[in-house]
C-alpha cells in the first residue's frame, strides 16, 4: 500500500497553489502587523488622518463648485432659481439684523 507518484505530484501541486494564494493575500504581513499592536494603531491613525483630510478637501472642492454654479445661475437670472436664492439671501439678512 504505497502512495502513487501521481498522488504525490497532485498534492505537491495543490500545496504550491495554496502557498501562492497565501503569498498573494499577504497573510504573513497581516500576521506580523497583528503581532505589533502599536504599529497597527499607528497605521490606522495615519489612514484615518488621510481619509479625514481627503474628505475635507473633497467637500471644499464640491462646495466651491456648488457655490460657483449657484452664482452663475443668479447671473443668468433664471426666474425659479433666482427667486429661491433671493429668498435665502433675505432670510440670512433678516437673521443678521436681529
N, C-alpha and C. Protein backbone atom coordinates (compact mmCIF):
# COMPACT_ATOMS: atom_id res chain seq x y z
N UNK A 1 0.85 -1.18 0.00
CA UNK A 1 0.00 0.00 0.00
C UNK A 1 0.89 1.24 0.00
N UNK A 2 1.49 1.50 -1.09
CA UNK A 2 2.32 2.69 -1.22
C UNK A 2 1.53 3.82 -1.86
N UNK A 3 2.11 4.97 -1.81
CA UNK A 3 1.48 6.15 -2.38
C UNK A 3 1.95 6.28 -3.82
N UNK A 4 0.99 6.51 -4.71
CA UNK A 4 1.34 6.68 -6.13
C UNK A 4 2.12 7.95 -6.34
N UNK A 5 2.96 7.95 -7.35
CA UNK A 5 3.70 9.15 -7.71
C UNK A 5 2.75 10.24 -8.19
N UNK A 6 1.67 9.86 -8.86
CA UNK A 6 0.71 10.86 -9.34
C UNK A 6 -0.01 11.54 -8.19
N UNK A 7 -0.31 10.78 -7.14
CA UNK A 7 -0.95 11.38 -5.96
C UNK A 7 -0.02 12.38 -5.28
N UNK A 8 1.24 12.03 -5.20
CA UNK A 8 2.22 12.93 -4.59
C UNK A 8 2.36 14.19 -5.43
N UNK A 9 2.41 14.00 -6.75
CA UNK A 9 2.51 15.16 -7.64
C UNK A 9 1.29 16.07 -7.52
N UNK A 10 0.10 15.45 -7.41
CA UNK A 10 -1.12 16.24 -7.23
C UNK A 10 -1.09 17.02 -5.92
N UNK A 11 -0.66 16.37 -4.85
CA UNK A 11 -0.58 17.03 -3.56
C UNK A 11 0.44 18.16 -3.59
N UNK A 12 1.58 17.92 -4.22
CA UNK A 12 2.59 18.97 -4.34
C UNK A 12 2.05 20.16 -5.10
N UNK A 13 1.31 19.89 -6.16
CA UNK A 13 0.71 20.96 -6.97
C UNK A 13 -0.28 21.76 -6.14
N UNK A 14 -1.12 21.08 -5.38
CA UNK A 14 -2.10 21.77 -4.54
C UNK A 14 -1.43 22.61 -3.46
N UNK A 15 -0.41 22.04 -2.82
CA UNK A 15 0.30 22.78 -1.78
C UNK A 15 0.96 24.01 -2.38
N UNK A 16 1.51 23.88 -3.57
CA UNK A 16 2.14 25.03 -4.24
C UNK A 16 1.11 26.11 -4.56
N UNK A 17 -0.07 25.71 -5.03
CA UNK A 17 -1.13 26.67 -5.33
C UNK A 17 -1.58 27.39 -4.06
N UNK A 18 -1.74 26.64 -2.98
CA UNK A 18 -2.15 27.24 -1.71
C UNK A 18 -1.08 28.22 -1.22
N UNK A 19 0.17 27.82 -1.36
CA UNK A 19 1.27 28.70 -0.96
C UNK A 19 1.26 30.00 -1.75
N UNK A 20 1.05 29.90 -3.06
CA UNK A 20 0.99 31.11 -3.90
C UNK A 20 -0.20 31.98 -3.53
N UNK A 21 -1.33 31.36 -3.23
CA UNK A 21 -2.52 32.13 -2.84
C UNK A 21 -2.27 32.87 -1.52
N UNK A 22 -1.64 32.21 -0.56
CA UNK A 22 -1.34 32.85 0.72
C UNK A 22 -0.34 33.99 0.53
N UNK A 23 0.62 33.80 -0.36
CA UNK A 23 1.58 34.87 -0.64
C UNK A 23 0.89 36.07 -1.26
N UNK A 24 -0.02 35.82 -2.19
CA UNK A 24 -0.75 36.92 -2.83
C UNK A 24 -1.65 37.64 -1.83
N UNK A 25 -2.19 36.92 -0.87
CA UNK A 25 -3.07 37.52 0.13
C UNK A 25 -2.28 38.27 1.21
N UNK A 26 -0.98 38.13 1.20
CA UNK A 26 -0.09 38.80 2.16
C UNK A 26 -0.46 38.47 3.60
N UNK A 27 -0.74 37.20 3.83
CA UNK A 27 -1.10 36.74 5.16
C UNK A 27 0.06 36.95 6.13
N UNK A 28 1.29 36.75 5.66
CA UNK A 28 2.46 36.95 6.51
C UNK A 28 2.55 38.38 7.02
N UNK A 29 2.30 39.34 6.14
CA UNK A 29 2.33 40.74 6.55
C UNK A 29 1.24 41.02 7.57
N UNK A 30 0.07 40.45 7.36
CA UNK A 30 -1.05 40.65 8.28
C UNK A 30 -0.71 40.08 9.66
N UNK A 31 -0.15 38.88 9.69
CA UNK A 31 0.21 38.25 10.97
C UNK A 31 1.27 39.08 11.68
N UNK A 32 2.25 39.59 10.92
CA UNK A 32 3.29 40.43 11.51
C UNK A 32 2.70 41.70 12.10
N UNK A 33 1.77 42.31 11.38
CA UNK A 33 1.14 43.53 11.86
C UNK A 33 0.31 43.25 13.13
N UNK A 34 -0.40 42.14 13.15
CA UNK A 34 -1.21 41.81 14.32
C UNK A 34 -0.33 41.52 15.54
N UNK A 35 0.89 41.10 15.32
CA UNK A 35 1.80 40.81 16.42
C UNK A 35 2.35 42.11 17.03
N UNK A 36 2.25 43.21 16.28
CA UNK A 36 2.75 44.51 16.78
C UNK A 36 1.58 45.49 16.85
N UNK A 37 0.86 45.54 17.97
CA UNK A 37 -0.33 46.40 18.07
C UNK A 37 -0.02 47.88 17.93
N UNK A 38 1.15 48.31 18.40
CA UNK A 38 1.49 49.73 18.29
C UNK A 38 1.60 50.15 16.82
N UNK A 39 2.22 49.30 16.02
CA UNK A 39 2.36 49.61 14.60
C UNK A 39 0.99 49.62 13.92
N UNK A 40 0.11 48.70 14.34
CA UNK A 40 -1.23 48.64 13.75
C UNK A 40 -2.02 49.91 14.11
N UNK A 41 -1.91 50.34 15.37
CA UNK A 41 -2.61 51.56 15.79
C UNK A 41 -2.08 52.76 15.03
N UNK A 42 -0.77 52.85 14.89
CA UNK A 42 -0.17 53.96 14.15
C UNK A 42 -0.63 53.98 12.69
N UNK A 43 -0.60 52.80 12.05
CA UNK A 43 -1.05 52.72 10.65
C UNK A 43 -2.51 53.13 10.50
N UNK A 44 -3.36 52.68 11.42
CA UNK A 44 -4.78 53.04 11.36
C UNK A 44 -4.98 54.53 11.63
N UNK A 45 -4.17 55.10 12.52
CA UNK A 45 -4.26 56.53 12.80
C UNK A 45 -3.90 57.35 11.55
N UNK A 46 -2.82 56.98 10.89
CA UNK A 46 -2.39 57.68 9.68
C UNK A 46 -3.45 57.52 8.58
N UNK A 47 -4.02 56.32 8.46
CA UNK A 47 -5.07 56.10 7.46
C UNK A 47 -6.30 56.96 7.77
N UNK A 48 -6.65 57.09 9.03
CA UNK A 48 -7.79 57.93 9.42
C UNK A 48 -7.53 59.40 9.12
N UNK A 49 -6.30 59.86 9.38
CA UNK A 49 -5.96 61.24 9.05
C UNK A 49 -6.07 61.48 7.54
N UNK A 50 -5.58 60.53 6.77
CA UNK A 50 -5.63 60.68 5.31
C UNK A 50 -7.08 60.71 4.82
N UNK A 51 -7.92 59.84 5.38
CA UNK A 51 -9.33 59.84 4.98
C UNK A 51 -10.00 61.16 5.34
N UNK A 52 -9.76 61.63 6.56
CA UNK A 52 -10.36 62.89 7.00
C UNK A 52 -9.90 64.06 6.15
N UNK A 53 -8.61 64.10 5.86
CA UNK A 53 -8.07 65.16 5.02
C UNK A 53 -8.67 65.10 3.62
N UNK A 54 -8.80 63.91 3.09
CA UNK A 54 -9.39 63.73 1.76
C UNK A 54 -10.85 64.17 1.73
N UNK A 55 -11.59 63.84 2.78
CA UNK A 55 -12.99 64.27 2.84
C UNK A 55 -13.09 65.78 2.94
N UNK A 56 -12.22 66.39 3.73
CA UNK A 56 -12.25 67.85 3.88
C UNK A 56 -11.94 68.53 2.55
N UNK A 57 -10.93 68.06 1.86
CA UNK A 57 -10.57 68.65 0.57
C UNK A 57 -11.70 68.42 -0.44
N UNK A 58 -12.24 67.22 -0.46
CA UNK A 58 -13.33 66.91 -1.39
C UNK A 58 -14.56 67.76 -1.14
N UNK A 59 -14.92 67.91 0.14
CA UNK A 59 -16.08 68.73 0.48
C UNK A 59 -15.84 70.18 0.11
N UNK A 60 -14.63 70.67 0.32
CA UNK A 60 -14.30 72.05 -0.03
C UNK A 60 -14.44 72.28 -1.53
N UNK A 61 -13.90 71.37 -2.30
CA UNK A 61 -13.98 71.50 -3.77
C UNK A 61 -15.44 71.40 -4.22
N UNK A 62 -16.17 70.42 -3.69
CA UNK A 62 -17.57 70.26 -4.07
C UNK A 62 -18.40 71.47 -3.67
N UNK A 63 -18.17 72.00 -2.45
CA UNK A 63 -18.90 73.19 -2.00
C UNK A 63 -18.60 74.39 -2.87
N UNK A 64 -17.33 74.57 -3.22
CA UNK A 64 -16.95 75.70 -4.08
C UNK A 64 -17.61 75.57 -5.45
N UNK A 65 -17.66 74.35 -5.96
CA UNK A 65 -18.30 74.13 -7.26
C UNK A 65 -19.79 74.45 -7.20
N UNK A 66 -20.46 74.02 -6.14
CA UNK A 66 -21.89 74.30 -5.99
C UNK A 66 -22.13 75.80 -5.88
N UNK A 67 -21.32 76.48 -5.07
CA UNK A 67 -21.47 77.93 -4.94
C UNK A 67 -21.22 78.64 -6.26
N UNK A 68 -20.23 78.19 -7.00
CA UNK A 68 -19.94 78.79 -8.30
C UNK A 68 -21.12 78.61 -9.25
N UNK A 69 -21.68 77.39 -9.28
CA UNK A 69 -22.82 77.13 -10.16
C UNK A 69 -24.04 77.95 -9.75
N UNK A 70 -24.27 78.10 -8.45
CA UNK A 70 -25.39 78.92 -7.98
C UNK A 70 -25.18 80.38 -8.37
N UNK A 71 -23.95 80.84 -8.25
CA UNK A 71 -23.65 82.22 -8.63
C UNK A 71 -23.90 82.44 -10.12
N UNK A 72 -23.50 81.47 -10.92
CA UNK A 72 -23.73 81.57 -12.36
C UNK A 72 -25.23 81.56 -12.67
N UNK A 73 -25.99 80.76 -11.91
CA UNK A 73 -27.44 80.71 -12.12
C UNK A 73 -28.07 82.04 -11.79
N UNK A 74 -27.59 82.71 -10.75
CA UNK A 74 -28.12 84.02 -10.40
C UNK A 74 -27.77 85.03 -11.48
N UNK A 75 -26.55 84.95 -12.00
CA UNK A 75 -26.14 85.88 -13.06
C UNK A 75 -26.96 85.69 -14.33
N UNK A 76 -27.36 84.45 -14.59
CA UNK A 76 -28.20 84.19 -15.76
C UNK A 76 -29.65 84.64 -15.53
N UNK A 77 -29.95 84.93 -14.28
CA UNK A 77 -31.26 85.40 -13.88
C UNK A 77 -32.37 84.41 -14.26
N UNK A 78 -32.13 83.16 -13.95
CA UNK A 78 -33.16 82.14 -14.14
C UNK A 78 -34.22 82.36 -13.07
N UNK A 79 -35.47 82.58 -13.45
CA UNK A 79 -36.50 83.01 -12.51
C UNK A 79 -36.68 82.10 -11.29
N UNK A 80 -36.81 80.83 -11.48
CA UNK A 80 -37.10 79.93 -10.37
C UNK A 80 -35.93 79.89 -9.39
N UNK A 81 -34.74 79.66 -9.92
CA UNK A 81 -33.56 79.57 -9.07
C UNK A 81 -33.23 80.93 -8.47
N UNK A 82 -33.36 81.98 -9.27
CA UNK A 82 -33.07 83.33 -8.79
C UNK A 82 -33.97 83.72 -7.64
N UNK A 83 -35.27 83.42 -7.75
CA UNK A 83 -36.21 83.72 -6.66
C UNK A 83 -35.87 82.92 -5.41
N UNK A 84 -35.52 81.66 -5.60
CA UNK A 84 -35.17 80.80 -4.47
C UNK A 84 -33.95 81.34 -3.74
N UNK A 85 -32.94 81.71 -4.48
CA UNK A 85 -31.70 82.22 -3.87
C UNK A 85 -31.95 83.59 -3.23
N UNK A 86 -32.76 84.42 -3.86
CA UNK A 86 -33.04 85.73 -3.26
C UNK A 86 -33.79 85.57 -1.94
N UNK A 87 -34.66 84.57 -1.85
CA UNK A 87 -35.36 84.30 -0.59
C UNK A 87 -34.37 83.86 0.49
N UNK A 88 -33.43 83.02 0.09
CA UNK A 88 -32.41 82.58 1.05
C UNK A 88 -31.59 83.77 1.53
N UNK A 89 -31.21 84.65 0.62
CA UNK A 89 -30.43 85.84 0.99
C UNK A 89 -31.23 86.73 1.93
N UNK A 90 -32.53 86.92 1.66
CA UNK A 90 -33.37 87.73 2.54
C UNK A 90 -33.45 87.13 3.94
N UNK A 91 -33.60 85.81 4.02
CA UNK A 91 -33.69 85.14 5.32
C UNK A 91 -32.38 85.33 6.09
N UNK A 92 -31.27 85.18 5.41
CA UNK A 92 -29.97 85.34 6.06
C UNK A 92 -29.80 86.78 6.54
N UNK A 93 -30.15 87.75 5.70
CA UNK A 93 -30.01 89.14 6.08
C UNK A 93 -30.92 89.50 7.25
N UNK A 94 -32.15 88.98 7.25
CA UNK A 94 -33.06 89.23 8.37
C UNK A 94 -32.50 88.66 9.67
N UNK A 95 -31.90 87.47 9.61
CA UNK A 95 -31.32 86.87 10.81
C UNK A 95 -30.10 87.64 11.27
N UNK A 96 -29.35 88.22 10.37
CA UNK A 96 -28.18 89.01 10.75
C UNK A 96 -28.58 90.33 11.41
N UNK A 97 -29.72 90.89 11.01
CA UNK A 97 -30.19 92.16 11.56
C UNK A 97 -30.68 91.99 13.00
N UNK A 98 -31.15 90.83 13.36
CA UNK A 98 -31.73 90.60 14.70
C UNK A 98 -30.71 90.43 15.75
